[in-house]
Amino acid sequence: PGFGRALYHFILPLFKSWPANRLRIVRAACLLHDVNWRAHPDYRHEAC
């Protein structure tokens, strides 16, 4: 917990030109990027 915020700031240089409404989704994605880690690796992408 908390790594999502750090991840967001690490990848932000790629998306600085994106509009504010899309940056919200970038932040949300970083916060959720690891919450399905308990799923089987073969299906983790589907669970996400």
All heavy atoms as atom14 arrays in JSON, in Angstrom:
{
  "sequence": "PGFGRALYHFILPLFKSWPANRLRIVRAACLLHDVNWRAHPDYRHEAC",
  "atom14_mask": [
    [1, 1, 1, 1, 1, 1, 1, 0, 0, 0, 0, 0, 0, 0],
    [1, 1, 1, 1, 0, 0, 0, 0, 0, 0, 0, 0, 0, 0],
    [1, 1, 1, 1, 1, 1, 1, 1, 1, 1, 1, 0, 0, 0],
    [1, 1, 1, 1, 0, 0, 0, 0, 0, 0, 0, 0, 0, 0],
    [1, 1, 1, 1, 1, 1, 1, 1, 1, 1, 1, 0, 0, 0],
    [1, 1, 1, 1, 1, 0, 0, 0, 0, 0, 0, 0, 0, 0],
    [1, 1, 1, 1, 1, 1, 1, 1, 0, 0, 0, 0, 0, 0],
    [1, 1, 1, 1, 1, 1, 1, 1, 1, 1, 1, 1, 0, 0],
    [1, 1, 1, 1, 1, 1, 1, 1, 1, 1, 0, 0, 0, 0],
    [1, 1, 1, 1, 1, 1, 1, 1, 1, 1, 1, 0, 0, 0],
    [1, 1, 1, 1, 1, 1, 1, 1, 0, 0, 0, 0, 0, 0],
    [1, 1, 1, 1, 1, 1, 1, 1, 0, 0, 0, 0, 0, 0],
    [1, 1, 1, 1, 1, 1, 1, 0, 0, 0, 0, 0, 0, 0],
    [1, 1, 1, 1, 1, 1, 1, 1, 0, 0, 0, 0, 0, 0],
    [1, 1, 1, 1, 1, 1, 1, 1, 1, 1, 1, 0, 0, 0],
    [1, 1, 1, 1, 1, 1, 1, 1, 1, 0, 0, 0, 0, 0],
    [1, 1, 1, 1, 1, 1, 0, 0, 0, 0, 0, 0, 0, 0],
    [1, 1, 1, 1, 1, 1, 1, 1, 1, 1, 1, 1, 1, 1],
    [1, 1, 1, 1, 1, 1, 1, 0, 0, 0, 0, 0, 0, 0],
    [1, 1, 1, 1, 1, 0, 0, 0, 0, 0, 0, 0, 0, 0],
    [1, 1, 1, 1, 1, 1, 1, 1, 0, 0, 0, 0, 0, 0],
    [1, 1, 1, 1, 1, 1, 1, 1, 1, 1, 1, 0, 0, 0],
    [1, 1, 1, 1, 1, 1, 1, 1, 0, 0, 0, 0, 0, 0],
    [1, 1, 1, 1, 1, 1, 1, 1, 1, 1, 1, 0, 0, 0],
    [1, 1, 1, 1, 1, 1, 1, 1, 0, 0, 0, 0, 0, 0],
    [1, 1, 1, 1, 1, 1, 1, 0, 0, 0, 0, 0, 0, 0],
    [1, 1, 1, 1, 1, 1, 1, 1, 1, 1, 1, 0, 0, 0],
    [1, 1, 1, 1, 1, 0, 0, 0, 0, 0, 0, 0, 0, 0],
    [1, 1, 1, 1, 1, 0, 0, 0, 0, 0, 0, 0, 0, 0],
    [1, 1, 1, 1, 1, 1, 0, 0, 0, 0, 0, 0, 0, 0],
    [1, 1, 1, 1, 1, 1, 1, 1, 0, 0, 0, 0, 0, 0],
    [1, 1, 1, 1, 1, 1, 1, 1, 0, 0, 0, 0, 0, 0],
    [1, 1, 1, 1, 1, 1, 1, 1, 1, 1, 0, 0, 0, 0],
    [1, 1, 1, 1, 1, 1, 1, 1, 0, 0, 0, 0, 0, 0],
    [1, 1, 1, 1, 1, 1, 1, 0, 0, 0, 0, 0, 0, 0],
    [1, 1, 1, 1, 1, 1, 1, 1, 0, 0, 0, 0, 0, 0],
    [1, 1, 1, 1, 1, 1, 1, 1, 1, 1, 1, 1, 1, 1],
    [1, 1, 1, 1, 1, 1, 1, 1, 1, 1, 1, 0, 0, 0],
    [1, 1, 1, 1, 1, 0, 0, 0, 0, 0, 0, 0, 0, 0],
    [1, 1, 1, 1, 1, 1, 1, 1, 1, 1, 0, 0, 0, 0],
    [1, 1, 1, 1, 1, 1, 1, 0, 0, 0, 0, 0, 0, 0],
    [1, 1, 1, 1, 1, 1, 1, 1, 0, 0, 0, 0, 0, 0],
    [1, 1, 1, 1, 1, 1, 1, 1, 1, 1, 1, 1, 0, 0],
    [1, 1, 1, 1, 1, 1, 1, 1, 1, 1, 1, 0, 0, 0],
    [1, 1, 1, 1, 1, 1, 1, 1, 1, 1, 0, 0, 0, 0],
    [1, 1, 1, 1, 1, 1, 1, 1, 1, 0, 0, 0, 0, 0],
    [1, 1, 1, 1, 1, 0, 0, 0, 0, 0, 0, 0, 0, 0],
    [1, 1, 1, 1, 1, 1, 0, 0, 0, 0, 0, 0, 0, 0]
  ],
  "atom14_positions": [
    [[0.83, -1.21, 0.0], [0.0, 0.0, 0.0], [0.87, 1.26, 0.0], [1.85, 1.36, 0.74], [-0.79, -0.13, 1.31], [-0.83, -1.6, 1.57], [0.49, -2.13, 1.11], [0.0, 0.0, 0.0], [0.0, 0.0, 0.0], [0.0, 0.0, 0.0], [0.0, 0.0, 0.0], [0.0, 0.0, 0.0], [0.0, 0.0, 0.0], [0.0, 0.0, 0.0]],
    [[0.51, 2.18, -0.86], [1.27, 3.42, -1.0], [2.16, 3.43, -2.23], [2.56, 4.5, -2.7], [0.0, 0.0, 0.0], [0.0, 0.0, 0.0], [0.0, 0.0, 0.0], [0.0, 0.0, 0.0], [0.0, 0.0, 0.0], [0.0, 0.0, 0.0], [0.0, 0.0, 0.0], [0.0, 0.0, 0.0], [0.0, 0.0, 0.0], [0.0, 0.0, 0.0]],
    [[2.49, 2.25, -2.78], [3.36, 2.2, -3.95], [2.69, 2.81, -5.17], [3.37, 3.35, -6.06], [3.77, 0.76, -4.24], [4.76, 0.64, -5.38], [6.1, 0.89, -5.18], [4.33, 0.27, -6.64], [7.01, 0.79, -6.23], [5.23, 0.16, -7.7], [6.58, 0.41, -7.48], [0.0, 0.0, 0.0], [0.0, 0.0, 0.0], [0.0, 0.0, 0.0]],
    [[1.37, 2.76, -5.23], [0.67, 3.32, -6.39], [0.97, 4.78, -6.61], [1.12, 5.25, -7.75], [0.0, 0.0, 0.0], [0.0, 0.0, 0.0], [0.0, 0.0, 0.0], [0.0, 0.0, 0.0], [0.0, 0.0, 0.0], [0.0, 0.0, 0.0], [0.0, 0.0, 0.0], [0.0, 0.0, 0.0], [0.0, 0.0, 0.0], [0.0, 0.0, 0.0]],
    [[1.06, 5.54, -5.53], [1.38, 6.96, -5.65], [2.79, 7.15, -6.2], [3.04, 8.0, -7.07], [1.24, 7.64, -4.28], [1.41, 9.14, -4.32], [1.2, 9.78, -2.95], [2.33, 9.55, -2.06], [2.34, 8.72, -1.04], [1.27, 7.99, -0.76], [3.41, 8.59, -0.28], [0.0, 0.0, 0.0], [0.0, 0.0, 0.0], [0.0, 0.0, 0.0]],
    [[3.74, 6.35, -5.69], [5.12, 6.43, -6.17], [5.21, 6.05, -7.64], [5.93, 6.68, -8.43], [6.02, 5.53, -5.32], [0.0, 0.0, 0.0], [0.0, 0.0, 0.0], [0.0, 0.0, 0.0], [0.0, 0.0, 0.0], [0.0, 0.0, 0.0], [0.0, 0.0, 0.0], [0.0, 0.0, 0.0], [0.0, 0.0, 0.0], [0.0, 0.0, 0.0]],
    [[4.47, 5.02, -8.03], [4.46, 4.58, -9.42], [3.92, 5.68, -10.33], [4.45, 5.93, -11.42], [3.62, 3.31, -9.55], [3.46, 2.72, -10.95], [4.81, 2.32, -11.53], [2.51, 1.51, -10.92], [0.0, 0.0, 0.0], [0.0, 0.0, 0.0], [0.0, 0.0, 0.0], [0.0, 0.0, 0.0], [0.0, 0.0, 0.0], [0.0, 0.0, 0.0]],
    [[2.85, 6.34, -9.87], [2.26, 7.42, -10.66], [3.29, 8.5, -10.97], [3.43, 8.94, -12.11], [1.08, 8.01, -9.9], [0.5, 9.26, -10.53], [-0.34, 9.19, -11.64], [0.81, 10.52, -10.02], [-0.86, 10.33, -12.22], [0.3, 11.67, -10.6], [-0.53, 11.57, -11.7], [-1.03, 12.71, -12.27], [0.0, 0.0, 0.0], [0.0, 0.0, 0.0]],
    [[4.03, 8.93, -9.96], [5.0, 10.01, -10.18], [6.19, 9.53, -11.01], [6.8, 10.33, -11.74], [5.46, 10.57, -8.83], [4.41, 11.37, -8.14], [3.96, 12.59, -8.62], [3.67, 11.11, -7.02], [3.01, 13.06, -7.82], [2.81, 12.18, -6.86], [0.0, 0.0, 0.0], [0.0, 0.0, 0.0], [0.0, 0.0, 0.0], [0.0, 0.0, 0.0]],
    [[6.5, 8.24, -10.97], [7.6, 7.72, -11.78], [7.26, 7.73, -13.27], [8.09, 8.11, -14.1], [7.93, 6.3, -11.33], [9.03, 5.65, -12.12], [10.34, 6.09, -12.03], [8.76, 4.58, -12.97], [11.36, 5.48, -12.76], [9.77, 3.97, -13.71], [11.07, 4.43, -13.6], [0.0, 0.0, 0.0], [0.0, 0.0, 0.0], [0.0, 0.0, 0.0]],
    [[6.02, 7.32, -13.6], [5.67, 7.25, -15.03], [5.06, 8.54, -15.56], [4.83, 8.67, -16.77], [4.69, 6.07, -15.29], [3.33, 6.32, -14.65], [5.3, 4.76, -14.82], [2.28, 5.28, -15.0], [0.0, 0.0, 0.0], [0.0, 0.0, 0.0], [0.0, 0.0, 0.0], [0.0, 0.0, 0.0], [0.0, 0.0, 0.0], [0.0, 0.0, 0.0]],
    [[4.81, 9.52, -14.69], [4.12, 10.75, -15.1], [4.79, 11.49, -16.26], [4.08, 12.06, -17.1], [3.98, 11.68, -13.89], [3.2, 12.98, -14.13], [1.77, 12.68, -14.58], [3.19, 13.84, -12.86], [0.0, 0.0, 0.0], [0.0, 0.0, 0.0], [0.0, 0.0, 0.0], [0.0, 0.0, 0.0], [0.0, 0.0, 0.0], [0.0, 0.0, 0.0]],
    [[6.12, 11.5, -16.37], [6.72, 12.21, -17.51], [6.17, 11.78, -18.88], [6.15, 12.58, -19.82], [8.21, 11.88, -17.38], [8.4, 11.68, -15.91], [7.15, 10.99, -15.45], [0.0, 0.0, 0.0], [0.0, 0.0, 0.0], [0.0, 0.0, 0.0], [0.0, 0.0, 0.0], [0.0, 0.0, 0.0], [0.0, 0.0, 0.0], [0.0, 0.0, 0.0]],
    [[5.71, 10.55, -18.98], [5.17, 10.07, -20.25], [3.81, 10.69, -20.58], [3.4, 10.7, -21.75], [5.01, 8.55, -20.21], [6.29, 7.71, -20.23], [5.97, 6.28, -19.88], [6.96, 7.8, -21.6], [0.0, 0.0, 0.0], [0.0, 0.0, 0.0], [0.0, 0.0, 0.0], [0.0, 0.0, 0.0], [0.0, 0.0, 0.0], [0.0, 0.0, 0.0]],
    [[3.11, 11.19, -19.58], [1.71, 11.56, -19.75], [1.41, 13.02, -19.38], [0.25, 13.38, -19.23], [0.82, 10.63, -18.91], [1.12, 9.17, -19.13], [1.73, 8.41, -18.14], [0.84, 8.56, -20.35], [2.03, 7.07, -18.33], [1.14, 7.22, -20.56], [1.74, 6.47, -19.55], [0.0, 0.0, 0.0], [0.0, 0.0, 0.0], [0.0, 0.0, 0.0]],
    [[2.44, 13.82, -19.23], [2.22, 15.19, -18.76], [1.36, 16.02, -19.71], [0.7, 16.97, -19.28], [3.56, 15.9, -18.55], [4.21, 15.55, -17.22], [5.42, 16.43, -16.95], [5.95, 16.2, -15.54], [7.14, 17.04, -15.26], [0.0, 0.0, 0.0], [0.0, 0.0, 0.0], [0.0, 0.0, 0.0], [0.0, 0.0, 0.0], [0.0, 0.0, 0.0]],
    [[1.34, 15.66, -20.98], [0.53, 16.42, -21.94], [-0.92, 15.98, -21.96], [-1.75, 16.59, -22.64], [1.12, 16.28, -23.35], [1.05, 14.93, -23.79], [0.0, 0.0, 0.0], [0.0, 0.0, 0.0], [0.0, 0.0, 0.0], [0.0, 0.0, 0.0], [0.0, 0.0, 0.0], [0.0, 0.0, 0.0], [0.0, 0.0, 0.0], [0.0, 0.0, 0.0]],
    [[-1.24, 14.91, -21.23], [-2.62, 14.41, -21.23], [-3.53, 15.36, -20.45], [-3.08, 16.01, -19.49], [-2.67, 13.02, -20.6], [-2.16, 11.93, -21.51], [-1.38, 12.08, -22.61], [-2.39, 10.53, -21.35], [-1.12, 10.86, -23.17], [-1.7, 9.89, -22.42], [-3.06, 9.76, -20.44], [-1.71, 8.51, -22.59], [-3.07, 8.38, -20.6], [-2.41, 7.76, -21.66]],
    [[-4.79, 15.45, -20.84], [-5.72, 16.35, -20.12], [-5.98, 15.86, -18.7], [-5.75, 14.69, -18.36], [-6.99, 16.31, -20.98], [-6.91, 15.01, -21.72], [-5.45, 14.76, -21.96], [0.0, 0.0, 0.0], [0.0, 0.0, 0.0], [0.0, 0.0, 0.0], [0.0, 0.0, 0.0], [0.0, 0.0, 0.0], [0.0, 0.0, 0.0], [0.0, 0.0, 0.0]],
    [[-6.51, 16.76, -17.87], [-6.72, 16.47, -16.46], [-7.62, 15.26, -16.26], [-7.37, 14.43, -15.36], [-7.3, 17.7, -15.75], [0.0, 0.0, 0.0], [0.0, 0.0, 0.0], [0.0, 0.0, 0.0], [0.0, 0.0, 0.0], [0.0, 0.0, 0.0], [0.0, 0.0, 0.0], [0.0, 0.0, 0.0], [0.0, 0.0, 0.0], [0.0, 0.0, 0.0]],
    [[-8.68, 15.14, -17.06], [-9.61, 14.02, -16.85], [-8.95, 12.67, -17.14], [-9.24, 11.66, -16.5], [-10.88, 14.19, -17.68], [-10.61, 14.22, -19.17], [-9.52, 14.54, -19.62], [-11.62, 13.89, -19.96], [0.0, 0.0, 0.0], [0.0, 0.0, 0.0], [0.0, 0.0, 0.0], [0.0, 0.0, 0.0], [0.0, 0.0, 0.0], [0.0, 0.0, 0.0]],
    [[-8.0, 12.64, -18.07], [-7.3, 11.39, -18.36], [-6.23, 11.1, -17.3], [-5.98, 9.94, -16.96], [-6.69, 11.45, -19.76], [-6.01, 10.17, -20.23], [-6.89, 8.94, -20.15], [-8.09, 9.05, -20.94], [-8.17, 8.77, -22.24], [-7.11, 8.39, -22.9], [-9.33, 8.88, -22.87], [0.0, 0.0, 0.0], [0.0, 0.0, 0.0], [0.0, 0.0, 0.0]],
    [[-5.6, 12.14, -16.76], [-4.62, 11.93, -15.7], [-5.26, 11.34, -14.45], [-4.61, 10.61, -13.69], [-3.9, 13.24, -15.37], [-2.81, 13.67, -16.35], [-2.23, 15.02, -15.94], [-1.7, 12.63, -16.45], [0.0, 0.0, 0.0], [0.0, 0.0, 0.0], [0.0, 0.0, 0.0], [0.0, 0.0, 0.0], [0.0, 0.0, 0.0], [0.0, 0.0, 0.0]],
    [[-6.53, 11.65, -14.21], [-7.27, 11.01, -13.11], [-7.26, 9.48, -13.28], [-7.09, 8.73, -12.32], [-8.73, 11.45, -13.07], [-9.01, 12.79, -12.51], [-10.51, 13.06, -12.56], [-11.25, 12.22, -11.64], [-12.15, 11.31, -12.01], [-12.4, 11.07, -13.3], [-12.8, 10.6, -11.11], [0.0, 0.0, 0.0], [0.0, 0.0, 0.0], [0.0, 0.0, 0.0]],
    [[-7.47, 9.04, -14.5], [-7.52, 7.6, -14.76], [-6.13, 6.99, -14.64], [-5.99, 5.84, -14.18], [-8.13, 7.33, -16.15], [-9.48, 8.05, -16.3], [-8.31, 5.83, -16.37], [-10.51, 7.69, -15.24], [0.0, 0.0, 0.0], [0.0, 0.0, 0.0], [0.0, 0.0, 0.0], [0.0, 0.0, 0.0], [0.0, 0.0, 0.0], [0.0, 0.0, 0.0]],
    [[-5.1, 7.73, -15.03], [-3.72, 7.25, -14.83], [-3.46, 7.04, -13.35], [-2.91, 6.01, -12.94], [-2.7, 8.25, -15.42], [-1.28, 7.81, -15.1], [-2.88, 8.37, -16.93], [0.0, 0.0, 0.0], [0.0, 0.0, 0.0], [0.0, 0.0, 0.0], [0.0, 0.0, 0.0], [0.0, 0.0, 0.0], [0.0, 0.0, 0.0], [0.0, 0.0, 0.0]],
    [[-3.87, 8.0, -12.53], [-3.66, 7.88, -11.09], [-4.45, 6.69, -10.53], [-3.93, 5.92, -9.71], [-4.08, 9.18, -10.38], [-3.72, 9.2, -8.91], [-4.18, 10.5, -8.27], [-3.37, 11.63, -8.64], [-2.33, 12.07, -7.93], [-1.96, 11.45, -6.82], [-1.66, 13.13, -8.32], [0.0, 0.0, 0.0], [0.0, 0.0, 0.0], [0.0, 0.0, 0.0]],
    [[-5.7, 6.56, -10.97], [-6.52, 5.43, -10.51], [-5.87, 4.1, -10.89], [-5.84, 3.15, -10.09], [-7.92, 5.53, -11.09], [0.0, 0.0, 0.0], [0.0, 0.0, 0.0], [0.0, 0.0, 0.0], [0.0, 0.0, 0.0], [0.0, 0.0, 0.0], [0.0, 0.0, 0.0], [0.0, 0.0, 0.0], [0.0, 0.0, 0.0], [0.0, 0.0, 0.0]],
    [[-5.34, 4.01, -12.12], [-4.72, 2.77, -12.58], [-3.5, 2.42, -11.72], [-3.31, 1.26, -11.34], [-4.31, 2.91, -14.04], [0.0, 0.0, 0.0], [0.0, 0.0, 0.0], [0.0, 0.0, 0.0], [0.0, 0.0, 0.0], [0.0, 0.0, 0.0], [0.0, 0.0, 0.0], [0.0, 0.0, 0.0], [0.0, 0.0, 0.0], [0.0, 0.0, 0.0]],
    [[-2.7, 3.43, -11.38], [-1.52, 3.17, -10.56], [-1.92, 2.68, -9.17], [-1.26, 1.8, -8.59], [-0.66, 4.43, -10.46], [0.18, 4.85, -12.01], [0.0, 0.0, 0.0], [0.0, 0.0, 0.0], [0.0, 0.0, 0.0], [0.0, 0.0, 0.0], [0.0, 0.0, 0.0], [0.0, 0.0, 0.0], [0.0, 0.0, 0.0], [0.0, 0.0, 0.0]],
    [[-2.98, 3.24, -8.62], [-3.45, 2.81, -7.31], [-3.96, 1.37, -7.33], [-3.81, 0.63, -6.36], [-4.56, 3.74, -6.81], [-4.12, 5.17, -6.44], [-5.34, 6.07, -6.26], [-3.28, 5.16, -5.17], [0.0, 0.0, 0.0], [0.0, 0.0, 0.0], [0.0, 0.0, 0.0], [0.0, 0.0, 0.0], [0.0, 0.0, 0.0], [0.0, 0.0, 0.0]],
    [[-4.55, 0.96, -8.46], [-5.14, -0.37, -8.57], [-4.21, -1.4, -9.2], [-4.59, -2.57, -9.34], [-6.43, -0.3, -9.39], [-7.57, 0.57, -8.83], [-8.74, 0.56, -9.8], [-8.01, 0.09, -7.46], [0.0, 0.0, 0.0], [0.0, 0.0, 0.0], [0.0, 0.0, 0.0], [0.0, 0.0, 0.0], [0.0, 0.0, 0.0], [0.0, 0.0, 0.0]],
    [[-3.0, -0.99, -9.58], [-2.17, -1.84, -10.45], [-1.84, -3.18, -9.83], [-1.55, -4.16, -10.55], [-0.87, -1.1, -10.81], [0.22, -1.26, -9.79], [1.25, -2.17, -9.93], [0.42, -0.67, -8.59], [2.03, -2.11, -8.87], [1.57, -1.21, -8.04], [0.0, 0.0, 0.0], [0.0, 0.0, 0.0], [0.0, 0.0, 0.0], [0.0, 0.0, 0.0]],
    [[-1.91, -3.3, -8.5], [-1.44, -4.52, -7.85], [-2.5, -5.18, -6.97], [-2.2, -6.15, -6.27], [-0.21, -4.17, -7.0], [0.51, -5.38, -6.46], [0.74, -6.31, -7.26], [0.84, -5.41, -5.26], [0.0, 0.0, 0.0], [0.0, 0.0, 0.0], [0.0, 0.0, 0.0], [0.0, 0.0, 0.0], [0.0, 0.0, 0.0], [0.0, 0.0, 0.0]],
    [[-3.73, -4.7, -6.99], [-4.72, -5.18, -6.01], [-5.22, -6.59, -6.33], [-5.85, -7.22, -5.47], [-5.9, -4.2, -5.87], [-5.43, -2.83, -5.41], [-6.68, -4.08, -7.17], [0.0, 0.0, 0.0], [0.0, 0.0, 0.0], [0.0, 0.0, 0.0], [0.0, 0.0, 0.0], [0.0, 0.0, 0.0], [0.0, 0.0, 0.0], [0.0, 0.0, 0.0]],
    [[-4.96, -7.09, -7.53], [-5.38, -8.44, -7.89], [-4.23, -9.43, -7.88], [-4.27, -10.47, -8.56], [-6.05, -8.44, -9.27], [-7.38, -7.74, -9.28], [-7.5, -6.6, -9.74], [-8.41, -8.39, -8.76], [0.0, 0.0, 0.0], [0.0, 0.0, 0.0], [0.0, 0.0, 0.0], [0.0, 0.0, 0.0], [0.0, 0.0, 0.0], [0.0, 0.0, 0.0]],
    [[-3.22, -9.16, -7.09], [-2.02, -9.99, -7.11], [-2.28, -11.42, -6.64], [-1.53, -12.34, -6.99], [-0.93, -9.36, -6.25], [-1.22, -9.28, -4.77], [-1.88, -8.29, -4.14], [-0.86, -10.23, -3.78], [-1.95, -8.54, -2.79], [-1.33, -9.73, -2.54], [-0.18, -11.45, -3.79], [-1.15, -10.42, -1.34], [0.01, -12.14, -2.6], [-0.47, -11.62, -1.38]],
    [[-3.37, -11.64, -5.88], [-3.66, -12.99, -5.41], [-4.23, -13.9, -6.5], [-4.3, -15.11, -6.33], [-4.64, -12.93, -4.23], [-4.05, -12.38, -2.95], [-5.07, -12.4, -1.82], [-4.52, -11.92, -0.56], [-4.45, -10.65, -0.21], [-4.91, -9.73, -1.03], [-3.92, -10.3, 0.96], [0.0, 0.0, 0.0], [0.0, 0.0, 0.0], [0.0, 0.0, 0.0]],
    [[-4.66, -13.32, -7.61], [-5.2, -14.15, -8.7], [-4.08, -15.01, -9.31], [-2.9, -14.67, -9.25], [-5.82, -13.25, -9.76], [0.0, 0.0, 0.0], [0.0, 0.0, 0.0], [0.0, 0.0, 0.0], [0.0, 0.0, 0.0], [0.0, 0.0, 0.0], [0.0, 0.0, 0.0], [0.0, 0.0, 0.0], [0.0, 0.0, 0.0], [0.0, 0.0, 0.0]],
    [[-4.48, -16.13, -9.9], [-3.5, -17.0, -10.55], [-2.78, -16.21, -11.65], [-3.42, -15.47, -12.41], [-4.21, -18.21, -11.17], [-3.29, -19.27, -11.66], [-2.59, -19.15, -12.84], [-2.93, -20.48, -11.13], [-1.86, -20.22, -13.03], [-2.04, -21.05, -12.0], [0.0, 0.0, 0.0], [0.0, 0.0, 0.0], [0.0, 0.0, 0.0], [0.0, 0.0, 0.0]],
    [[-1.45, -16.34, -11.75], [-0.7, -15.55, -12.75], [-1.23, -15.67, -14.17], [-1.17, -14.71, -14.94], [0.72, -16.11, -12.63], [0.81, -16.62, -11.22], [-0.56, -17.15, -10.9], [0.0, 0.0, 0.0], [0.0, 0.0, 0.0], [0.0, 0.0, 0.0], [0.0, 0.0, 0.0], [0.0, 0.0, 0.0], [0.0, 0.0, 0.0], [0.0, 0.0, 0.0]],
    [[-1.76, -16.85, -14.53], [-2.26, -17.04, -15.89], [-3.52, -16.22, -16.16], [-3.87, -15.99, -17.33], [-2.56, -18.51, -16.15], [-1.3, -19.37, -16.22], [-0.19, -18.77, -16.29], [-1.42, -20.6, -16.2], [0.0, 0.0, 0.0], [0.0, 0.0, 0.0], [0.0, 0.0, 0.0], [0.0, 0.0, 0.0], [0.0, 0.0, 0.0], [0.0, 0.0, 0.0]],
    [[-4.22, -15.83, -15.09], [-5.5, -15.12, -15.26], [-5.52, -13.75, -14.59], [-6.56, -13.13, -14.5], [-6.64, -15.98, -14.69], [-6.71, -17.36, -15.3], [-6.24, -18.47, -14.6], [-7.19, -17.54, -16.6], [-6.28, -19.74, -15.17], [-7.23, -18.79, -17.17], [-6.77, -19.89, -16.47], [-6.81, -21.14, -17.03], [0.0, 0.0, 0.0], [0.0, 0.0, 0.0]],
    [[-4.35, -13.31, -14.13], [-4.3, -12.05, -13.4], [-4.74, -10.88, -14.28], [-5.42, -9.96, -13.82], [-2.89, -11.82, -12.87], [-2.82, -10.83, -11.72], [-1.44, -10.84, -11.11], [-1.23, -12.05, -10.31], [-0.03, -12.56, -10.03], [1.06, -12.0, -10.52], [0.07, -13.64, -9.29], [0.0, 0.0, 0.0], [0.0, 0.0, 0.0], [0.0, 0.0, 0.0]],
    [[-4.36, -10.92, -15.54], [-4.75, -9.82, -16.44], [-6.27, -9.78, -16.6], [-6.86, -8.68, -16.69], [-4.07, -9.97, -17.8], [-4.48, -11.2, -18.56], [-4.09, -12.48, -18.19], [-5.25, -11.35, -19.67], [-4.61, -13.36, -19.03], [-5.32, -12.71, -19.94], [0.0, 0.0, 0.0], [0.0, 0.0, 0.0], [0.0, 0.0, 0.0], [0.0, 0.0, 0.0]],
    [[-6.91, -10.95, -16.63], [-8.36, -11.0, -16.75], [-9.02, -10.49, -15.47], [-10.02, -9.76, -15.52], [-8.83, -12.42, -17.04], [-8.38, -12.94, -18.4], [-9.04, -14.28, -18.73], [-9.84, -14.77, -17.9], [-8.76, -14.82, -19.82], [0.0, 0.0, 0.0], [0.0, 0.0, 0.0], [0.0, 0.0, 0.0], [0.0, 0.0, 0.0], [0.0, 0.0, 0.0]],
    [[-8.47, -10.88, -14.32], [-9.01, -10.41, -13.04], [-8.93, -8.9, -12.95], [-9.86, -8.24, -12.46], [-8.26, -11.07, -11.89], [0.0, 0.0, 0.0], [0.0, 0.0, 0.0], [0.0, 0.0, 0.0], [0.0, 0.0, 0.0], [0.0, 0.0, 0.0], [0.0, 0.0, 0.0], [0.0, 0.0, 0.0], [0.0, 0.0, 0.0], [0.0, 0.0, 0.0]],
    [[-7.82, -8.33, -13.42], [-7.65, -6.87, -13.41], [-8.7, -6.18, -14.27], [-9.32, -5.2, -13.86], [-6.26, -6.5, -13.9], [-4.95, -6.84, -12.73], [0.0, 0.0, 0.0], [0.0, 0.0, 0.0], [0.0, 0.0, 0.0], [0.0, 0.0, 0.0], [0.0, 0.0, 0.0], [0.0, 0.0, 0.0], [0.0, 0.0, 0.0], [0.0, 0.0, 0.0]]
  ]
}
